[in-house]
Amino acid sequence: MYKNSLRSYRELPLRMAELGTVYRYERSGTLHGLMRVRGFTQDDSHIFVTEEELTAEIGRVVKFIRHMLISFGFSEFEVFVSTRPKESIGDAAWWERATQALKDALDAAEWPYQIDEGGGAFYGPKIDFKIKDSIGRTWQCSTLQVDPNLPERFQIEYVASDGTRKRPVMLHRALLGSLERFFGILVEHYAGAFPLWLAPVQARILTITGDADAWAATVLERLRAEGFRVETDLSSDKINAKIRQAQLDKLPYSLVLGRKEAESGQVAIRRFGAADSPVMGLDAFVAMAKAEVARKSEKA
C-alpha cells in the first residue's frame, strides 16, 4: 500500500490502521474466557515517519494511548521501555537512537516508566503499557514498537526535501491489543456495571401502572432520538420487582413512570446502586445524561 505511489516527505507521517484477526493454537488448558483465546482481533496500526519526526510521532501515539485508556476508566498504569535483546538485527547506534526517542517521548508526557532490559523485539525497541484493573491485577494491552527492518526489507523510500531518496522508520502500535481480552478486562473491572457511555443498555423505562404507558412511549422515542440505548418494561409486575431486576442487570439508569410523572411530563430517576429516586423533567435528564456520556471515564 505504501509503494502504490512515490511518497514525499510532505506525506509523512503516513498512518494506516486495520482490525486484523490473529490465530494461535493455544493448548486447551491455557484457554481462559476472553482473556486467552485461539482467535482474536487486534487494533493494529502502521505509521511511516522520517527519523527526524520519530520522537514527536511517538509522543502523539503515547498521548492517544493515554486518552483511550483513561476514557475506559483505567487510571493506573505500568509502562516499560523494552531494549535490545541478545538476538537482534540492526546496528547498535540505531538501536540507541530509537530507544532514546521512546524515552524522550515518555519524559515529555511526564509518564514514569521502567526499563525492561533485553525485552524488545528482534527488530527494534518498544513501549509496553500495562493497565491495573479494579482488583489490582495488571494486564498487557497497548504497545508501540519501532521498526526499521520492514522498510529495509520492502525497499520503502520517500523523497526528502533535498530530492534524495531515504528510508522511513516504521511504527507499529496497538491501542487496546486484543479486543476480546480488553472486553473481558472491562467486564471484570466494572463487575458488569458499565459507565453510562459504555453500557449496552443505558436506561430502562419502568411503568408503575398502565396509565403511564403512553408517556413511556414518548420518553422512549425521545431518548432514542437523542442517541441513547433504551428499553422498556411495561409488564404487570410490581414496580419494586421491576426496579430490583434493573438493579440486578446493573443498568446505569431506571426511569420510573407513574400517573403523576405522566401528568407532569417528568421522570423519576433511579441510578444504579442509589437508594433515592429524584424527579426531574425529561429535558433535564437528557442534558444530565449527555454530560455524563461526554465525561466517559466515570463509573456507573
Protein backbone atom coordinates (compact mmCIF):
# COMPACT_ATOMS: atom_id res chain seq x y z
CA MET A 1 0.00 0.00 0.00
CA TYR A 2 2.83 2.39 0.80
CA LYS A 3 4.54 1.65 -2.50
CA ASN A 4 1.49 2.20 -4.72
CA SER A 5 2.90 5.67 -5.44
CA LEU A 6 6.07 7.67 -4.95
CA ARG A 7 5.96 9.23 -1.48
CA SER A 8 7.19 12.66 -0.48
CA TYR A 9 8.42 13.79 2.92
CA ARG A 10 5.37 16.07 2.92
CA GLU A 11 3.11 12.98 3.22
CA LEU A 12 4.81 11.77 6.37
CA PRO A 13 3.81 10.76 8.98
CA LEU A 14 1.65 8.36 6.96
CA ARG A 15 -0.73 6.44 9.23
CA MET A 16 -2.54 3.24 8.28
CA ALA A 17 -4.78 1.23 10.60
CA GLU A 18 -6.72 -2.03 10.47
CA LEU A 19 -8.61 -4.51 12.62
CA GLY A 20 -6.74 -7.74 11.95
CA THR A 21 -7.62 -11.27 13.07
CA VAL A 22 -4.88 -13.37 14.64
CA TYR A 23 -4.97 -17.11 15.33
CA ARG A 24 -2.82 -19.12 17.73
CA TYR A 25 -3.06 -22.77 18.65
CA GLU A 26 -3.26 -22.39 22.41
CA ARG A 27 -3.40 -25.61 24.42
CA SER A 28 -6.82 -26.27 25.90
CA GLY A 29 -5.60 -25.99 29.49
CA THR A 30 -4.30 -22.46 28.88
CA LEU A 31 -7.54 -21.02 27.46
CA HIS A 32 -9.23 -18.58 29.80
CA GLY A 33 -12.55 -16.99 28.82
CA LEU A 34 -11.94 -13.90 26.71
CA MET A 35 -8.53 -13.36 28.31
CA ARG A 36 -6.73 -16.08 26.37
CA VAL A 37 -8.33 -17.37 23.17
CA ARG A 38 -7.26 -19.07 19.97
CA GLY A 39 -8.64 -16.38 17.69
CA PHE A 40 -8.64 -12.67 18.49
CA THR A 41 -8.84 -9.26 16.86
CA GLN A 42 -6.04 -6.72 17.11
CA ASP A 43 -6.38 -2.98 16.54
CA ASP A 44 -3.21 -2.64 14.54
CA SER A 45 -1.67 0.48 13.03
CA HIS A 46 1.46 1.06 10.98
CA ILE A 47 2.91 4.55 10.86
CA PHE A 48 5.68 5.70 8.50
CA VAL A 49 7.80 8.65 9.68
CA THR A 50 11.13 10.28 8.99
CA GLU A 51 13.75 9.71 11.66
CA GLU A 52 13.54 13.41 12.49
CA GLU A 53 9.82 13.07 13.20
CA LEU A 54 10.19 9.91 15.27
CA THR A 55 10.11 11.39 18.79
CA ALA A 56 7.20 13.73 18.04
CA GLU A 57 5.12 10.95 16.47
CA ILE A 58 5.83 8.61 19.41
CA GLY A 59 4.63 11.41 21.67
CA ARG A 60 1.36 11.69 19.74
CA VAL A 61 0.78 7.94 19.97
CA VAL A 62 1.53 7.94 23.71
CA LYS A 63 -0.98 10.76 24.17
CA PHE A 64 -3.56 8.79 22.14
CA ILE A 65 -2.99 5.65 24.24
CA ARG A 66 -3.38 7.59 27.47
CA HIS A 67 -6.61 9.19 26.21
CA MET A 68 -8.05 5.78 25.23
CA LEU A 69 -7.20 4.02 28.49
CA ILE A 70 -8.40 6.87 30.71
CA SER A 71 -11.64 7.11 28.69
CA PHE A 72 -12.33 3.47 29.50
CA GLY A 73 -11.82 4.22 33.20
CA PHE A 74 -8.27 2.97 33.82
CA SER A 75 -6.10 5.36 35.80
CA GLU A 76 -3.21 3.18 36.99
CA PHE A 77 -0.56 2.09 34.53
CA GLU A 78 2.82 0.42 34.39
CA VAL A 79 4.95 1.48 31.44
CA PHE A 80 8.04 -0.37 30.24
CA VAL A 81 10.66 0.59 27.66
CA SER A 82 11.97 -2.69 26.27
CA THR A 83 15.55 -2.52 24.99
CA ARG A 84 17.70 -4.52 22.58
CA PRO A 85 17.67 -8.31 23.09
CA LYS A 86 20.73 -10.51 22.57
CA GLU A 87 19.30 -11.90 19.33
CA SER A 88 18.58 -8.80 17.22
CA ILE A 89 19.24 -7.14 13.90
CA GLY A 90 20.41 -3.63 13.06
CA ASP A 91 23.36 -1.59 14.27
CA ALA A 92 23.87 -0.52 17.86
CA ALA A 93 23.84 3.21 17.06
CA TRP A 94 20.38 2.99 15.52
CA TRP A 95 19.04 0.99 18.48
CA GLU A 96 20.36 3.66 20.81
CA ARG A 97 18.66 6.47 18.85
CA ALA A 98 15.36 4.63 18.67
CA THR A 99 15.37 3.71 22.35
CA GLN A 100 16.20 7.30 23.29
CA ALA A 101 13.30 8.55 21.15
CA LEU A 102 10.92 6.32 23.16
CA LYS A 103 12.35 7.60 26.44
CA ASP A 104 12.22 11.24 25.32
CA ALA A 105 8.55 10.94 24.31
CA LEU A 106 7.60 9.41 27.66
CA ASP A 107 9.61 12.05 29.54
CA ALA A 108 7.82 14.81 27.60
CA ALA A 109 4.48 13.21 28.51
CA GLU A 110 5.59 13.02 32.16
CA TRP A 111 4.73 9.33 32.14
CA PRO A 112 7.00 7.36 34.53
CA TYR A 113 8.45 4.17 33.06
CA GLN A 114 10.67 1.24 33.84
CA ILE A 115 13.37 -0.34 31.69
CA ASP A 116 12.86 -3.92 30.52
CA GLU A 117 16.44 -4.84 29.61
CA GLY A 118 16.56 -7.03 26.54
CA GLY A 119 12.77 -7.18 26.25
CA GLY A 120 12.49 -5.55 22.83
CA ALA A 121 11.53 -7.25 19.58
CA PHE A 122 14.41 -8.61 17.50
CA TYR A 123 13.97 -5.71 15.05
CA GLY A 124 13.54 -2.76 17.42
CA PRO A 125 12.76 -1.35 20.89
CA LYS A 126 9.22 -0.87 22.15
CA ILE A 127 6.99 0.56 24.86
CA ASP A 128 4.57 -1.77 26.64
CA PHE A 129 1.65 -0.38 28.62
CA LYS A 130 0.06 -2.45 31.37
CA ILE A 131 -3.21 -1.40 32.98
CA LYS A 132 -4.30 -2.18 36.52
CA ASP A 133 -7.91 -3.24 37.00
CA SER A 134 -10.22 -2.61 39.96
CA ILE A 135 -8.83 -5.56 41.96
CA GLY A 136 -5.18 -4.75 41.34
CA ARG A 137 -4.31 -7.16 38.52
CA THR A 138 -2.12 -5.89 35.68
CA TRP A 139 -2.82 -6.63 32.02
CA GLN A 140 -0.64 -6.09 28.97
CA CYS A 141 -2.68 -4.08 26.46
CA SER A 142 -1.22 -1.20 24.49
CA THR A 143 2.12 -1.47 22.74
CA LEU A 144 4.26 0.74 20.49
CA GLN A 145 7.20 -0.70 18.53
CA VAL A 146 9.86 0.98 16.41
CA ASP A 147 10.77 -0.97 13.25
CA PRO A 148 13.47 0.00 10.71
CA ASN A 149 13.59 -3.58 9.41
CA LEU A 150 10.43 -3.81 7.28
CA PRO A 151 11.12 -0.56 5.36
CA GLU A 152 14.53 -2.01 4.51
CA ARG A 153 13.18 -5.42 3.51
CA PHE A 154 10.44 -3.94 1.34
CA GLN A 155 12.77 -1.25 -0.08
CA ILE A 156 10.41 1.51 1.02
CA GLU A 157 11.51 5.06 0.26
CA TYR A 158 10.37 8.67 0.34
CA VAL A 159 11.70 11.74 -1.42
CA ALA A 160 13.38 14.02 1.10
CA SER A 161 13.32 17.84 0.95
CA ASP A 162 16.71 17.83 -0.81
CA GLY A 163 15.43 15.47 -3.53
CA THR A 164 17.27 12.38 -2.29
CA ARG A 165 15.61 9.01 -1.57
CA LYS A 166 15.54 7.96 2.08
CA ARG A 167 14.10 5.15 4.19
CA PRO A 168 11.26 5.98 6.57
CA VAL A 169 11.05 4.49 10.04
CA MET A 170 8.00 2.33 10.76
CA LEU A 171 6.00 2.35 13.99
CA HIS A 172 3.63 -0.46 14.95
CA ARG A 173 1.05 0.38 17.56
CA ALA A 174 -1.94 -1.30 19.17
CA LEU A 175 -4.13 0.83 21.44
CA LEU A 176 -6.12 -1.92 23.15
CA GLY A 177 -4.23 -5.02 21.95
CA SER A 178 -6.61 -7.96 21.75
CA LEU A 179 -10.14 -6.54 21.60
CA GLU A 180 -11.58 -9.75 23.05
CA ARG A 181 -9.23 -9.65 26.03
CA PHE A 182 -9.90 -5.95 26.54
CA PHE A 183 -13.66 -6.65 26.63
CA GLY A 184 -13.02 -9.32 29.26
CA ILE A 185 -10.91 -6.90 31.30
CA LEU A 186 -13.66 -4.26 31.10
CA VAL A 187 -16.35 -6.68 32.29
CA GLU A 188 -14.30 -7.65 35.33
CA HIS A 189 -13.02 -4.13 36.00
CA TYR A 190 -16.56 -2.76 36.24
CA ALA A 191 -18.07 -6.02 37.55
CA GLY A 192 -20.66 -5.60 34.79
CA ALA A 193 -21.76 -2.15 35.99
CA PHE A 194 -20.53 -0.21 32.99
CA PRO A 195 -20.34 3.58 32.84
CA LEU A 196 -23.23 5.20 31.03
CA TRP A 197 -21.41 5.79 27.74
CA LEU A 198 -20.29 2.16 27.54
CA ALA A 199 -23.34 0.26 28.81
CA PRO A 200 -25.10 -1.84 26.11
CA VAL A 201 -28.44 -0.74 27.61
CA GLN A 202 -28.14 2.70 29.16
CA ALA A 203 -31.61 3.01 30.66
CA ARG A 204 -34.79 1.04 31.17
CA ILE A 205 -38.18 2.71 31.43
CA LEU A 206 -40.34 1.13 34.16
CA THR A 207 -44.04 1.83 34.43
CA ILE A 208 -45.95 1.62 37.70
CA THR A 209 -49.38 1.25 36.05
CA GLY A 210 -50.79 1.14 32.55
CA ASP A 211 -51.71 4.82 32.91
CA ALA A 212 -48.07 5.67 32.18
CA ASP A 213 -47.67 3.55 29.02
CA ALA A 214 -48.31 6.43 26.61
CA TRP A 215 -45.82 8.67 28.44
CA ALA A 216 -43.32 5.79 28.47
CA ALA A 217 -43.61 5.55 24.66
CA THR A 218 -42.94 9.28 24.38
CA VAL A 219 -39.92 9.08 26.67
CA LEU A 220 -38.59 6.06 24.76
CA GLU A 221 -38.92 7.84 21.42
CA ARG A 222 -37.22 11.00 22.73
CA LEU A 223 -34.28 9.18 24.32
CA ARG A 224 -33.68 7.02 21.26
CA ALA A 225 -33.83 10.12 19.08
CA GLU A 226 -31.10 11.62 21.32
CA GLY A 227 -28.93 8.55 20.66
CA PHE A 228 -29.42 6.65 23.90
CA ARG A 229 -29.81 2.87 24.09
CA VAL A 230 -33.07 2.40 25.97
CA GLU A 231 -35.65 -0.33 26.55
CA THR A 232 -38.97 -0.53 28.39
CA ASP A 233 -40.59 -2.80 30.94
CA LEU A 234 -44.36 -2.36 30.60
CA SER A 235 -45.19 -5.66 32.25
CA SER A 236 -47.76 -6.09 35.02
CA ASP A 237 -45.07 -6.90 37.60
CA LYS A 238 -44.90 -4.79 40.76
CA ILE A 239 -42.66 -1.74 40.41
CA ASN A 240 -40.34 -2.95 43.18
CA ALA A 241 -39.75 -6.16 41.23
CA LYS A 242 -39.00 -4.17 38.08
CA ILE A 243 -36.55 -1.94 39.93
CA ARG A 244 -34.87 -4.95 41.51
CA GLN A 245 -34.44 -6.61 38.12
CA ALA A 246 -32.95 -3.46 36.65
CA GLN A 247 -30.51 -3.29 39.57
CA LEU A 248 -29.58 -6.96 39.06
CA ASP A 249 -28.98 -6.19 35.38
CA LYS A 250 -26.73 -3.32 36.53
CA LEU A 251 -28.29 -0.80 34.18
CA PRO A 252 -26.97 2.74 34.73
CA TYR A 253 -30.47 4.27 34.91
CA SER A 254 -34.01 3.16 35.61
CA LEU A 255 -36.71 5.69 34.75
CA VAL A 256 -39.79 5.07 36.89
CA LEU A 257 -43.05 6.41 35.44
CA GLY A 258 -46.41 6.51 37.12
CA ARG A 259 -49.59 8.54 36.72
CA LYS A 260 -48.03 11.54 38.46
CA GLU A 261 -44.98 11.58 36.16
CA ALA A 262 -47.21 11.13 33.10
CA GLU A 263 -49.38 14.10 34.06
CA SER A 264 -46.41 16.37 34.88
CA GLY A 265 -44.18 15.26 31.96
CA GLN A 266 -41.39 14.19 34.32
CA VAL A 267 -39.35 11.07 35.11
CA ALA A 268 -38.24 9.58 38.43
CA ILE A 269 -34.54 8.72 38.13
CA ARG A 270 -33.14 5.63 39.82
CA ARG A 271 -29.35 5.43 39.41
CA PHE A 272 -27.68 2.02 39.77
CA GLY A 273 -26.69 1.49 43.40
CA ALA A 274 -28.59 4.57 44.64
CA ALA A 275 -31.48 4.43 47.09
CA ASP A 276 -33.24 7.68 46.16
CA SER A 277 -35.29 8.48 43.04
CA PRO A 278 -35.17 12.22 42.26
CA VAL A 279 -37.83 13.53 39.88
CA MET A 280 -36.91 15.83 37.00
CA GLY A 281 -38.14 16.97 33.63
CA LEU A 282 -37.24 14.92 30.58
CA ASP A 283 -35.15 17.75 29.10
CA ALA A 284 -33.14 17.98 32.32
CA PHE A 285 -32.46 14.25 32.33
CA VAL A 286 -31.33 14.30 28.68
CA ALA A 287 -28.92 17.16 29.41
CA MET A 288 -27.57 15.42 32.52
CA ALA A 289 -27.09 12.09 30.71
CA LYS A 290 -25.38 13.73 27.73
CA ALA A 291 -22.93 15.49 30.04
CA GLU A 292 -22.19 12.19 31.77
CA VAL A 293 -21.57 10.43 28.46
CA ALA A 294 -19.18 13.22 27.44
CA ARG A 295 -17.10 12.66 30.60
CA LYS A 296 -16.79 8.96 29.70
CA SER A 297 -14.44 7.77 32.45
CA GLU A 298 -16.92 7.97 35.34
CA LYS A 299 -18.05 4.56 36.60
CA ALA A 300 -21.72 3.70 36.71
